[in-house]
Protein backbone atom coordinates (compact mmCIF):
# COMPACT_ATOMS: atom_id res chain seq x y z
CA MET A 1 8.93 24.89 -3.15
CA PRO A 2 11.86 23.60 -0.68
CA VAL A 3 9.84 25.46 2.40
CA TYR A 4 6.57 23.68 1.64
CA ILE A 5 8.54 20.28 1.89
CA ALA A 6 10.22 21.16 4.80
CA LYS A 7 7.41 21.96 6.54
CA ARG A 8 5.42 18.88 5.67
CA LEU A 9 8.34 16.74 7.11
CA LEU A 10 8.35 18.91 10.16
CA VAL A 11 4.75 17.73 10.53
CA ALA A 12 6.05 14.17 9.97
CA ILE A 13 8.59 13.67 12.51
CA PRO A 14 5.68 13.95 15.44
CA THR A 15 3.54 11.58 13.63
CA LEU A 16 6.25 9.19 13.12
CA LEU A 17 6.80 9.52 17.20
CA ILE A 18 3.21 9.02 18.13
CA ILE A 19 3.15 6.29 15.49
CA SER A 20 6.51 4.62 17.62
CA ILE A 21 4.71 4.76 20.89
CA PHE A 22 1.47 3.23 19.93
CA VAL A 23 3.56 0.67 17.75
CA PHE A 24 5.69 -0.08 20.67
CA SER A 25 3.20 0.02 23.77
CA LEU A 26 0.56 -2.28 22.01
CA GLN A 27 2.02 -5.05 21.07
CA LYS A 28 3.29 -5.54 24.87
CA LEU A 29 -0.42 -6.45 25.26
CA LEU A 30 -0.58 -9.29 22.80
CA PRO A 31 -0.84 -12.67 24.58
CA GLY A 32 1.59 -15.26 25.39
CA ASP A 33 5.58 -14.61 25.51
CA PRO A 34 8.35 -14.18 22.86
CA VAL A 35 10.87 -15.85 24.63
CA LEU A 36 8.61 -19.30 25.37
CA VAL A 37 8.25 -19.05 21.37
CA MET A 38 11.89 -18.90 20.97
CA ALA A 39 13.25 -21.61 23.84
CA GLY A 40 11.15 -24.26 22.04
CA GLU A 41 10.26 -27.22 23.82
CA GLU A 42 13.77 -26.95 26.20
CA ARG A 43 11.93 -23.92 28.86
CA ASP A 44 14.61 -24.35 31.02
CA PRO A 45 14.55 -21.22 33.80
CA ALA A 46 18.13 -20.00 33.11
CA VAL A 47 17.99 -19.90 29.71
CA LEU A 48 14.90 -18.40 29.62
CA GLU A 49 16.52 -15.55 31.84
CA MET A 50 19.51 -15.11 29.61
CA LEU A 51 17.17 -14.51 26.72
CA ARG A 52 15.27 -12.05 29.04
CA GLU A 53 18.76 -10.64 29.29
CA LYS A 54 19.86 -10.73 25.89
CA TYR A 55 17.00 -9.04 24.47
CA ARG A 56 16.60 -6.54 27.62
CA LEU A 57 13.06 -7.82 28.06
CA ASN A 58 13.26 -6.91 31.82
CA ASP A 59 13.72 -3.85 31.39
CA PRO A 60 11.09 -1.20 32.29
CA LEU A 61 9.05 -0.29 29.35
CA PRO A 62 9.98 3.32 29.05
CA VAL A 63 13.41 2.15 28.56
CA GLN A 64 13.03 -0.64 26.22
CA TYR A 65 11.09 2.20 24.29
CA LEU A 66 14.04 4.88 24.67
CA THR A 67 16.72 2.14 23.50
CA TRP A 68 15.15 0.73 20.50
CA LEU A 69 13.49 4.32 19.38
CA GLY A 70 17.70 5.11 19.85
CA ASN A 71 19.46 2.43 17.97
CA ALA A 72 16.39 2.80 14.91
CA LEU A 73 17.76 6.72 14.84
CA THR A 74 20.81 5.21 13.78
CA GLY A 75 19.32 2.53 11.22
CA ASP A 76 19.17 -0.53 13.37
CA LEU A 77 16.14 -2.14 13.75
CA GLY A 78 16.96 -4.62 15.85
CA ILE A 79 17.33 -8.61 15.60
CA SER A 80 14.36 -10.87 15.10
CA LEU A 81 13.68 -13.04 17.93
CA ARG A 82 12.73 -15.80 15.34
CA THR A 83 15.27 -15.86 12.91
CA ASN A 84 17.99 -14.21 14.22
CA GLN A 85 18.55 -11.70 11.64
CA PRO A 86 18.70 -7.89 11.83
CA VAL A 87 15.28 -6.79 11.21
CA ILE A 88 16.95 -3.92 8.25
CA GLU A 89 17.57 -6.99 6.46
CA LEU A 90 14.45 -8.75 6.23
CA ILE A 91 12.88 -5.55 5.26
CA ALA A 92 15.33 -5.28 2.85
CA GLN A 93 14.97 -8.62 0.97
CA LYS A 94 10.87 -7.79 1.41
CA LEU A 95 10.21 -4.54 0.37
CA PRO A 96 10.99 -4.71 -3.38
CA VAL A 97 8.49 -7.54 -3.29
CA THR A 98 5.72 -5.63 -1.89
CA ILE A 99 6.85 -2.50 -4.43
CA GLN A 100 6.68 -4.47 -7.29
CA LEU A 101 2.75 -5.61 -6.15
CA ALA A 102 1.64 -2.17 -5.38
CA PHE A 103 3.44 -1.04 -8.40
CA MET A 104 1.48 -3.70 -10.48
CA SER A 105 -1.87 -3.54 -9.03
CA MET A 106 -1.67 0.31 -9.77
CA ILE A 107 -1.45 0.02 -13.17
CA PHE A 108 -4.22 -2.56 -13.14
CA ALA A 109 -6.09 0.26 -11.22
CA PHE A 110 -5.45 2.70 -13.68
CA LEU A 111 -6.25 0.65 -16.62
CA ILE A 112 -9.56 -0.15 -15.67
CA GLY A 113 -10.63 2.37 -13.03
CA VAL A 114 -9.43 5.64 -14.97
CA PRO A 115 -10.88 4.92 -18.60
CA MET A 116 -14.53 3.79 -16.85
CA GLY A 117 -14.70 6.83 -14.57
CA ILE A 118 -14.14 8.95 -18.03
CA LEU A 119 -16.84 6.98 -19.39
CA ALA A 120 -19.56 6.99 -17.07
CA ALA A 121 -18.91 11.02 -16.90
CA VAL A 122 -19.42 11.27 -20.58
CA LYS A 123 -22.70 8.97 -20.59
CA LYS A 124 -23.98 10.43 -17.61
CA ASN A 125 -27.40 8.35 -16.78
CA THR A 126 -27.15 6.19 -19.74
CA ILE A 127 -27.11 2.04 -19.40
CA ILE A 128 -23.26 2.43 -19.65
CA ASP A 129 -22.84 4.70 -16.65
CA TYR A 130 -24.92 2.42 -14.72
CA ILE A 131 -23.24 -0.92 -15.59
CA ALA A 132 -19.71 0.86 -14.91
CA SER A 133 -20.96 1.80 -11.15
CA ILE A 134 -22.37 -1.90 -11.12
CA ILE A 135 -18.79 -2.88 -11.96
CA ALA A 136 -17.36 -0.47 -9.54
CA LEU A 137 -19.79 -1.58 -6.65
CA SER A 138 -19.03 -5.25 -7.48
CA GLY A 139 -15.26 -4.77 -7.29
CA LEU A 140 -15.53 -2.99 -3.95
CA SER A 141 -17.92 -5.69 -2.85
CA VAL A 142 -16.37 -8.76 -3.63
CA PRO A 143 -13.44 -9.60 -1.10
CA ASN A 144 -9.91 -9.73 -2.34
CA PHE A 145 -9.64 -13.53 -0.91
CA TRP A 146 -12.47 -15.09 -2.46
CA LEU A 147 -11.65 -13.46 -6.26
CA GLY A 148 -8.22 -14.81 -5.48
CA ILE A 149 -8.99 -17.95 -4.98
CA MET A 150 -11.75 -18.61 -7.85
CA LEU A 151 -8.78 -17.11 -10.48
CA ILE A 152 -6.16 -19.83 -8.98
CA LEU A 153 -9.02 -22.77 -9.46
CA LEU A 154 -9.93 -20.61 -13.29
CA VAL A 155 -6.48 -19.24 -14.40
CA SER A 156 -3.92 -21.93 -12.99
CA VAL A 157 -6.14 -25.15 -12.18
CA LYS A 158 -8.42 -25.11 -15.47
CA LEU A 159 -6.42 -23.19 -17.51
CA GLY A 160 -3.17 -23.44 -16.77
CA TRP A 161 -2.12 -19.92 -18.03
CA LEU A 162 -0.78 -19.63 -15.04
CA PRO A 163 0.96 -20.42 -11.86
CA ALA A 164 -1.25 -20.56 -8.78
CA SER A 165 1.15 -19.45 -6.19
CA GLY A 166 5.25 -18.48 -5.61
CA PHE A 167 7.14 -15.61 -5.86
CA GLU A 168 10.44 -15.18 -8.53
CA SER A 169 12.43 -12.21 -8.12
CA ILE A 170 12.00 -9.44 -11.54
CA PHE A 171 15.94 -9.50 -11.63
CA ASN A 172 16.17 -13.43 -11.51
CA ASP A 173 13.62 -14.15 -14.20
CA PRO A 174 11.37 -11.16 -15.37
CA VAL A 175 8.66 -13.19 -17.52
CA ARG A 176 8.86 -16.04 -14.37
CA SER A 177 8.04 -12.85 -11.89
CA LEU A 178 5.35 -11.06 -14.10
CA GLN A 179 3.72 -14.34 -14.28
CA THR A 180 3.20 -14.72 -10.48
CA MET A 181 2.54 -11.47 -10.10
CA ILE A 182 -0.46 -10.77 -13.14
CA MET A 183 -3.08 -12.57 -10.31
CA PRO A 184 -2.61 -11.10 -7.53
CA SER A 185 -2.18 -7.56 -8.93
CA PHE A 186 -5.35 -7.78 -10.46
CA VAL A 187 -6.83 -9.33 -7.32
CA LEU A 188 -5.76 -6.26 -5.63
CA GLY A 189 -6.00 -3.35 -8.67
CA THR A 190 -9.94 -4.57 -9.19
CA ALA A 191 -10.56 -3.11 -5.31
CA LEU A 192 -8.60 -0.07 -6.56
CA ALA A 193 -9.80 0.39 -9.51
CA ALA A 194 -13.54 0.81 -8.27
CA THR A 195 -12.52 3.63 -5.58
CA LEU A 196 -10.61 5.08 -8.62
CA MET A 197 -13.84 5.00 -10.88
CA ARG A 198 -15.62 6.44 -8.73
CA HIS A 199 -13.25 9.67 -7.75
CA THR A 200 -12.51 10.17 -11.47
CA ARG A 201 -16.03 10.18 -12.55
CA SER A 202 -17.19 12.54 -9.55
CA ALA A 203 -14.10 15.00 -10.68
CA MET A 204 -14.86 14.76 -14.46
CA LEU A 205 -18.41 15.49 -13.80
CA GLY A 206 -17.34 18.90 -11.94
CA VAL A 207 -15.03 19.61 -14.92
CA LEU A 208 -17.67 18.81 -17.72
CA SER A 209 -20.02 21.11 -16.37
CA GLN A 210 -17.63 24.28 -15.75
CA ASP A 211 -18.77 27.18 -18.58
CA TYR A 212 -14.90 26.98 -20.36
CA ILE A 213 -15.80 23.21 -20.99
CA ARG A 214 -19.05 25.13 -22.97
CA THR A 215 -16.95 27.49 -24.51
CA ALA A 216 -14.80 24.43 -26.25
CA ARG A 217 -17.68 22.99 -27.64
CA ALA A 218 -19.28 26.40 -28.82
CA LYS A 219 -16.14 26.44 -30.96
CA GLY A 220 -16.21 23.26 -32.47
CA LEU A 221 -13.49 21.35 -30.84
CA SER A 222 -14.20 17.47 -31.40
CA PRO A 223 -15.74 15.58 -28.27
CA ARG A 224 -12.66 13.53 -27.91
CA GLU A 225 -10.60 17.09 -27.58
CA VAL A 226 -12.94 18.34 -24.92
CA VAL A 227 -13.09 15.46 -22.88
CA LEU A 228 -9.32 14.54 -22.84
CA SER A 229 -7.19 17.61 -23.31
CA HIS A 230 -9.74 20.00 -21.69
CA SER A 231 -11.62 17.92 -19.32
CA PHE A 232 -9.72 15.20 -18.37
CA ARG A 233 -6.19 17.01 -17.37
CA ASN A 234 -8.50 19.06 -15.05
CA ALA A 235 -9.95 16.56 -13.53
CA LEU A 236 -6.76 14.49 -12.86
CA LEU A 237 -5.83 16.74 -9.90
CA PRO A 238 -8.04 14.45 -7.12
CA VAL A 239 -7.04 11.26 -8.89
CA VAL A 240 -3.41 11.64 -8.81
CA THR A 241 -3.51 12.41 -5.31
CA LEU A 242 -5.71 9.42 -4.69
CA SER A 243 -3.40 7.59 -6.31
CA ALA A 244 -0.75 8.06 -4.54
CA LEU A 245 -2.21 7.58 -1.04
CA LEU A 246 -4.01 3.99 -2.30
CA PHE A 247 0.09 2.97 -3.51
CA GLY A 248 0.77 4.11 0.48
CA GLU A 249 -1.67 1.81 1.35
CA LEU A 250 -0.73 -0.94 -0.52
CA LEU A 251 2.87 -0.34 0.86
CA ALA A 252 1.36 -1.67 3.94
CA GLY A 253 1.04 -4.91 2.66
CA ALA A 254 -1.93 -6.63 1.63
CA VAL A 255 -2.05 -9.67 3.89
CA LEU A 256 -4.80 -11.80 2.90
CA THR A 257 -3.56 -11.64 -0.99
CA GLU A 258 0.27 -12.67 0.07
CA GLN A 259 -1.14 -15.12 2.43
CA ILE A 260 -3.38 -16.73 -0.87
CA PHE A 261 -0.62 -16.48 -3.67
CA THR A 262 2.76 -17.01 -1.19
CA ILE A 263 4.07 -14.10 -2.38
CA PRO A 264 6.86 -13.36 0.42
CA GLY A 265 6.16 -9.58 1.01
CA PHE A 266 5.10 -7.21 3.86
CA GLY A 267 1.73 -8.69 4.96
CA LYS A 268 3.47 -12.02 5.30
CA LEU A 269 5.63 -11.04 7.49
CA ILE A 270 4.10 -9.22 9.79
CA VAL A 271 1.64 -11.60 10.15
CA ASP A 272 4.49 -14.28 10.51
CA ALA A 273 6.03 -11.67 13.12
CA VAL A 274 3.14 -10.95 15.19
CA PHE A 275 2.41 -14.71 15.57
CA ASN A 276 5.53 -15.43 16.70
CA ARG A 277 5.74 -12.68 18.90
CA ASP A 278 8.58 -11.23 16.98
CA TYR A 279 8.69 -7.48 18.52
CA ALA A 280 11.41 -6.05 16.54
CA VAL A 281 10.20 -7.11 12.89
CA VAL A 282 6.47 -5.83 13.70
CA GLN A 283 8.17 -2.39 15.30
CA GLY A 284 10.37 -2.31 12.03
CA VAL A 285 7.81 -3.41 9.32
CA VAL A 286 5.40 -0.67 10.85
CA MET A 287 7.65 1.76 11.05
CA CYS A 288 8.80 1.43 7.49
CA THR A 289 5.17 1.34 6.61
CA ALA A 290 4.57 4.47 8.07
CA VAL A 291 7.62 6.14 6.48
CA GLY A 292 6.30 4.97 3.27
CA PHE A 293 2.72 6.00 3.72
CA ILE A 294 3.81 9.76 4.65
CA LEU A 295 6.33 9.80 2.06
CA MET A 296 3.35 9.21 -0.30
CA ASN A 297 1.46 11.60 1.19
CA LEU A 298 3.99 14.36 0.94
CA LEU A 299 4.39 13.24 -2.87
CA ALA A 300 0.45 13.63 -3.05
CA ASP A 301 1.10 16.89 -1.76
CA ILE A 302 3.73 17.79 -3.95
CA LEU A 303 2.10 16.76 -6.99
CA TYR A 304 -1.58 18.38 -6.27
CA VAL A 305 0.94 21.60 -6.00
CA LEU A 306 2.54 21.55 -9.38
CA LEU A 307 -0.58 19.81 -11.25
CA ASN A 308 -2.95 23.38 -9.33
CA PRO A 309 -1.20 26.94 -10.86
CA ARG A 310 -3.64 28.99 -7.89
CA LEU A 311 -1.47 26.65 -5.31
CA ARG A 312 1.59 27.16 -7.10
CA ALA A 313 1.14 30.67 -7.22
CA SER A 314 0.13 30.99 -3.53
CA LEU A 315 3.67 29.30 -2.65
């Protein structure tokens, strides 16, 4: 297993290098000048030149990239052009928010998607299967921003059950933190639940048609034991792999959902950075997201090996 993990990490290195090159190069194509944004209304040529020299924006693009890459390898992701804060500090502030949102969204996705997928597979071609498929299709079709606005109008404005927006750290006030996160997590979780439902159903149908399932039924095992103890355990492999990948996507930040509910996560941070031409923040957030996504891919590969005895034997 350690050799397998080492090989996967070696593959990740050139991937991250390519991502860094693309991010650094493509954002330079964005219209506008970050120095003009920093200078505000007082655009003294001397001040503009001083800022360009300070942030090394006059250097050739390859030199800028190599300088940034060398600093990034030592943990220095640069300074925000807008707030003058180290990018690593901004990421440290926003990352726990995004992780909490992603984690709670996955909980909703599992609670909704996996049971529906199992039920739809067991009740194949019945009204229950059709209803589950319609719900899954609705979850994929309904835009997150529309569902979020409707929830705010119903749950917050009309019923007053939950706060409409805002965020509170779970370390400061756990109850308030959960209250502010329930609706955005549900909005993201419904879309993920639809994907999990379809994959769970497909995996369960494949397992339920196997000979050993028919043998288990012939031995007189209860339907509950056949479904949960035998079928679902073997159908869990693709579901676990997909879940790790979906969690990695959530780490990128749900831009629209975070904007609607005013959650200060990665999504809002990178949108603000793009509008303000804050190159260092964009590069830092994207690279942090890429690392998170690659780590979740690695976790998915490891879980797949641990849950599949045949793969373990081949290592």
